[in-house]
Amino acid sequence: MKLLRFFRYKYLLNSRKRHYASLALSIALAHASFGHARYRSVGNGISDIELSLEQDQKFKLQLNKLDERKQYIVKGKWTMDHDNYVLQFKRSKFDIPSLFSSNTGFQKPTFIQGKRTVKIPTNRNGVVIDGIYCPRLSA
């Protein structure tokens, strides 16, 4: 009986150490991760837009056009470059430069670098996509 208690005690100690180690690793990774952001359009009658930059360096742009009753999902990879998010889109049905260019008068527009590459400054509180302002929800 005493031998069983000894092994159970050792098992509990080892599992607790592993639990604390994984918890410490999770906290360290959470603090070390940067760039995770999410932009979402405010309610309007035209479309619902959400741009989410995930921690695994991938992003997803969801366009739900209410007048056409269609939902489009565009994916790609993002990187950081001098306080800018650089979005590199995969093949898309949309014309990416026209999707991000706007004449709404907001400060510091997104920088279009090609047919499939867009730069967004990280210090902006929002971004204009398809003529609709999408404020930043998280950073």
C-alpha atoms as a PDB file:
ATOM      1  CA  MET A   1       0.000   0.000   0.000  1.00  0.00           C
ATOM      2  CA  LYS A   2       2.795   2.418   0.835  1.00  0.00           C
ATOM      3  CA  LEU A   3       4.491   1.716  -2.478  1.00  0.00           C
ATOM      4  CA  LEU A   4       1.285   2.606  -4.340  1.00  0.00           C
ATOM      5  CA  ARG A   5       1.082   5.917  -2.453  1.00  0.00           C
ATOM      6  CA  PHE A   6       4.677   6.684  -3.329  1.00  0.00           C
ATOM      7  CA  PHE A   7       4.068   6.148  -7.048  1.00  0.00           C
ATOM      8  CA  ARG A   8       0.842   8.146  -6.967  1.00  0.00           C
ATOM      9  CA  TYR A   9       2.655  11.004  -5.206  1.00  0.00           C
ATOM     10  CA  LYS A  10       5.461  10.934  -7.811  1.00  0.00           C
ATOM     11  CA  TYR A  11       2.898  10.895 -10.633  1.00  0.00           C
ATOM     12  CA  LEU A  12       1.112  13.943  -9.186  1.00  0.00           C
ATOM     13  CA  LEU A  13       4.370  15.846  -8.794  1.00  0.00           C
ATOM     14  CA  ASN A  14       5.464  15.102 -12.356  1.00  0.00           C
ATOM     15  CA  SER A  15       2.111  15.994 -13.851  1.00  0.00           C
ATOM     16  CA  ARG A  16       2.006  19.255 -11.877  1.00  0.00           C
ATOM     17  CA  LYS A  17       5.464  20.223 -13.145  1.00  0.00           C
ATOM     18  CA  ARG A  18       4.394  19.524 -16.724  1.00  0.00           C
ATOM     19  CA  HIS A  19       1.190  21.513 -16.214  1.00  0.00           C
ATOM     20  CA  TYR A  20       3.063  24.536 -14.848  1.00  0.00           C
ATOM     21  CA  ALA A  21       5.664  24.291 -17.596  1.00  0.00           C
ATOM     22  CA  SER A  22       2.995  24.278 -20.303  1.00  0.00           C
ATOM     23  CA  LEU A  23       1.207  27.157 -18.576  1.00  0.00           C
ATOM     24  CA  ALA A  24       4.429  29.171 -18.425  1.00  0.00           C
ATOM     25  CA  LEU A  25       5.123  28.406 -22.080  1.00  0.00           C
ATOM     26  CA  SER A  26       1.602  29.493 -23.043  1.00  0.00           C
ATOM     27  CA  ILE A  27       1.977  32.775 -21.163  1.00  0.00           C
ATOM     28  CA  ALA A  28       5.368  33.423 -22.738  1.00  0.00           C
ATOM     29  CA  LEU A  29       4.023  32.731 -26.229  1.00  0.00           C
ATOM     30  CA  ALA A  30       1.017  34.962 -25.618  1.00  0.00           C
ATOM     31  CA  HIS A  31       3.257  37.853 -24.604  1.00  0.00           C
ATOM     32  CA  ALA A  32       5.712  37.217 -27.415  1.00  0.00           C
ATOM     33  CA  SER A  33       3.077  37.099 -30.144  1.00  0.00           C
ATOM     34  CA  PHE A  34       2.591  40.345 -32.001  1.00  0.00           C
ATOM     35  CA  GLY A  35       0.502  41.606 -34.815  1.00  0.00           C
ATOM     36  CA  HIS A  36      -2.696  39.726 -34.107  1.00  0.00           C
ATOM     37  CA  ALA A  37      -5.432  42.138 -35.116  1.00  0.00           C
ATOM     38  CA  ARG A  38      -9.050  42.095 -36.155  1.00  0.00           C
ATOM     39  CA  TYR A  39     -11.015  44.660 -38.128  1.00  0.00           C
ATOM     40  CA  ARG A  40     -14.805  44.507 -38.490  1.00  0.00           C
ATOM     41  CA  SER A  41     -17.244  46.818 -40.231  1.00  0.00           C
ATOM     42  CA  VAL A  42     -19.841  48.701 -38.250  1.00  0.00           C
ATOM     43  CA  GLY A  43     -23.444  47.819 -39.063  1.00  0.00           C
ATOM     44  CA  ASN A  44     -24.568  49.125 -42.440  1.00  0.00           C
ATOM     45  CA  GLY A  45     -27.003  48.011 -45.092  1.00  0.00           C
ATOM     46  CA  ILE A  46     -24.390  47.267 -47.738  1.00  0.00           C
ATOM     47  CA  SER A  47     -22.081  44.535 -46.476  1.00  0.00           C
ATOM     48  CA  ASP A  48     -20.478  42.952 -43.426  1.00  0.00           C
ATOM     49  CA  ILE A  49     -16.697  42.868 -43.609  1.00  0.00           C
ATOM     50  CA  GLU A  50     -14.200  41.227 -41.274  1.00  0.00           C
ATOM     51  CA  LEU A  51     -10.424  41.104 -41.660  1.00  0.00           C
ATOM     52  CA  SER A  52      -8.684  38.918 -39.087  1.00  0.00           C
ATOM     53  CA  LEU A  53      -4.911  38.539 -38.840  1.00  0.00           C
ATOM     54  CA  GLU A  54      -4.133  35.317 -37.022  1.00  0.00           C
ATOM     55  CA  GLN A  55      -1.021  34.563 -34.978  1.00  0.00           C
ATOM     56  CA  ASP A  56       0.121  31.888 -37.424  1.00  0.00           C
ATOM     57  CA  GLN A  57       0.904  34.605 -40.013  1.00  0.00           C
ATOM     58  CA  LYS A  58      -2.281  33.921 -42.008  1.00  0.00           C
ATOM     59  CA  PHE A  59      -5.258  36.185 -42.513  1.00  0.00           C
ATOM     60  CA  LYS A  60      -8.833  35.856 -43.650  1.00  0.00           C
ATOM     61  CA  LEU A  61     -10.993  38.553 -45.253  1.00  0.00           C
ATOM     62  CA  GLN A  62     -14.709  37.789 -45.131  1.00  0.00           C
ATOM     63  CA  LEU A  63     -17.052  39.848 -47.299  1.00  0.00           C
ATOM     64  CA  ASN A  64     -20.757  39.282 -46.873  1.00  0.00           C
ATOM     65  CA  LYS A  65     -22.482  41.403 -49.521  1.00  0.00           C
ATOM     66  CA  LEU A  66     -26.059  41.878 -48.404  1.00  0.00           C
ATOM     67  CA  ASP A  67     -27.413  43.148 -51.715  1.00  0.00           C
ATOM     68  CA  GLU A  68     -26.058  40.118 -53.626  1.00  0.00           C
ATOM     69  CA  ARG A  69     -26.693  37.720 -50.727  1.00  0.00           C
ATOM     70  CA  LYS A  70     -23.277  36.166 -51.227  1.00  0.00           C
ATOM     71  CA  GLN A  71     -20.370  35.562 -48.909  1.00  0.00           C
ATOM     72  CA  TYR A  72     -16.790  35.730 -50.148  1.00  0.00           C
ATOM     73  CA  ILE A  73     -13.717  34.551 -48.246  1.00  0.00           C
ATOM     74  CA  VAL A  74     -10.248  35.655 -49.318  1.00  0.00           C
ATOM     75  CA  LYS A  75      -7.159  34.229 -47.585  1.00  0.00           C
ATOM     76  CA  GLY A  76      -3.449  34.908 -47.600  1.00  0.00           C
ATOM     77  CA  LYS A  77      -0.346  35.473 -45.499  1.00  0.00           C
ATOM     78  CA  TRP A  78       0.756  38.572 -43.621  1.00  0.00           C
ATOM     79  CA  THR A  79       4.109  39.845 -42.345  1.00  0.00           C
ATOM     80  CA  MET A  80       5.398  42.867 -40.432  1.00  0.00           C
ATOM     81  CA  ASP A  81       7.502  45.527 -42.145  1.00  0.00           C
ATOM     82  CA  HIS A  82       8.456  48.747 -40.308  1.00  0.00           C
ATOM     83  CA  ASP A  83       5.205  49.064 -38.278  1.00  0.00           C
ATOM     84  CA  ASN A  84       3.053  47.944 -41.196  1.00  0.00           C
ATOM     85  CA  TYR A  85       1.029  44.823 -41.778  1.00  0.00           C
ATOM     86  CA  VAL A  86       1.879  43.534 -45.258  1.00  0.00           C
ATOM     87  CA  LEU A  87      -0.984  41.424 -46.604  1.00  0.00           C
ATOM     88  CA  GLN A  88      -0.152  39.077 -49.478  1.00  0.00           C
ATOM     89  CA  PHE A  89      -3.330  37.710 -51.008  1.00  0.00           C
ATOM     90  CA  LYS A  90      -3.668  34.375 -52.740  1.00  0.00           C
ATOM     91  CA  ARG A  91      -5.652  34.178 -55.947  1.00  0.00           C
ATOM     92  CA  SER A  92      -8.804  36.200 -55.623  1.00  0.00           C
ATOM     93  CA  LYS A  93     -11.987  36.898 -57.551  1.00  0.00           C
ATOM     94  CA  PHE A  94     -11.691  40.531 -56.495  1.00  0.00           C
ATOM     95  CA  ASP A  95      -9.476  43.292 -57.777  1.00  0.00           C
ATOM     96  CA  ILE A  96      -7.473  43.810 -54.575  1.00  0.00           C
ATOM     97  CA  PRO A  97      -6.211  47.355 -55.365  1.00  0.00           C
ATOM     98  CA  SER A  98      -9.752  48.609 -56.001  1.00  0.00           C
ATOM     99  CA  LEU A  99     -11.018  46.811 -52.882  1.00  0.00           C
ATOM    100  CA  PHE A 100      -8.599  48.705 -50.610  1.00  0.00           C
ATOM    101  CA  SER A 101      -8.422  52.050 -52.419  1.00  0.00           C
ATOM    102  CA  SER A 102     -10.922  54.599 -51.221  1.00  0.00           C
ATOM    103  CA  ASN A 103     -11.585  58.287 -51.518  1.00  0.00           C
ATOM    104  CA  THR A 104     -13.449  58.607 -48.233  1.00  0.00           C
ATOM    105  CA  GLY A 105     -10.952  61.093 -46.788  1.00  0.00           C
ATOM    106  CA  PHE A 106      -9.643  59.014 -43.883  1.00  0.00           C
ATOM    107  CA  GLN A 107      -6.057  59.734 -42.865  1.00  0.00           C
ATOM    108  CA  LYS A 108      -3.188  57.456 -43.904  1.00  0.00           C
ATOM    109  CA  PRO A 109      -4.783  55.225 -46.486  1.00  0.00           C
ATOM    110  CA  THR A 110      -3.566  51.708 -47.067  1.00  0.00           C
ATOM    111  CA  PHE A 111      -0.607  51.409 -49.395  1.00  0.00           C
ATOM    112  CA  ILE A 112      -1.175  49.229 -52.432  1.00  0.00           C
ATOM    113  CA  GLN A 113       2.032  47.583 -53.641  1.00  0.00           C
ATOM    114  CA  GLY A 114       0.796  45.419 -56.474  1.00  0.00           C
ATOM    115  CA  LYS A 115      -2.087  43.299 -57.630  1.00  0.00           C
ATOM    116  CA  ARG A 116      -1.974  41.071 -54.554  1.00  0.00           C
ATOM    117  CA  THR A 117      -0.044  43.028 -51.885  1.00  0.00           C
ATOM    118  CA  VAL A 118      -1.384  45.691 -49.498  1.00  0.00           C
ATOM    119  CA  LYS A 119       0.311  47.526 -46.587  1.00  0.00           C
ATOM    120  CA  ILE A 120      -1.713  48.673 -43.566  1.00  0.00           C
ATOM    121  CA  PRO A 121      -0.074  50.848 -40.866  1.00  0.00           C
ATOM    122  CA  THR A 122      -0.282  49.196 -37.437  1.00  0.00           C
ATOM    123  CA  ASN A 123      -0.995  52.460 -35.638  1.00  0.00           C
ATOM    124  CA  ARG A 124      -4.302  53.004 -37.455  1.00  0.00           C
ATOM    125  CA  ASN A 125      -7.556  52.565 -35.582  1.00  0.00           C
ATOM    126  CA  GLY A 126      -9.289  51.190 -38.654  1.00  0.00           C
ATOM    127  CA  VAL A 127      -9.080  50.419 -42.340  1.00  0.00           C
ATOM    128  CA  VAL A 128     -11.349  51.152 -45.302  1.00  0.00           C
ATOM    129  CA  ILE A 129     -12.321  48.046 -47.297  1.00  0.00           C
ATOM    130  CA  ASP A 130     -14.683  48.286 -50.252  1.00  0.00           C
ATOM    131  CA  GLY A 131     -15.520  51.866 -49.259  1.00  0.00           C
ATOM    132  CA  ILE A 132     -16.645  50.838 -45.751  1.00  0.00           C
ATOM    133  CA  TYR A 133     -14.737  51.837 -42.615  1.00  0.00           C
ATOM    134  CA  CYS A 134     -13.781  48.852 -40.433  1.00  0.00           C
ATOM    135  CA  PRO A 135     -12.557  49.814 -36.942  1.00  0.00           C
ATOM    136  CA  ARG A 136      -9.949  47.732 -35.169  1.00  0.00           C
ATOM    137  CA  LEU A 137     -11.430  45.417 -32.540  1.00  0.00           C
ATOM    138  CA  SER A 138      -8.298  43.869 -31.029  1.00  0.00           C
ATOM    139  CA  ALA A 139      -4.544  44.139 -31.254  1.00  0.00           C
END
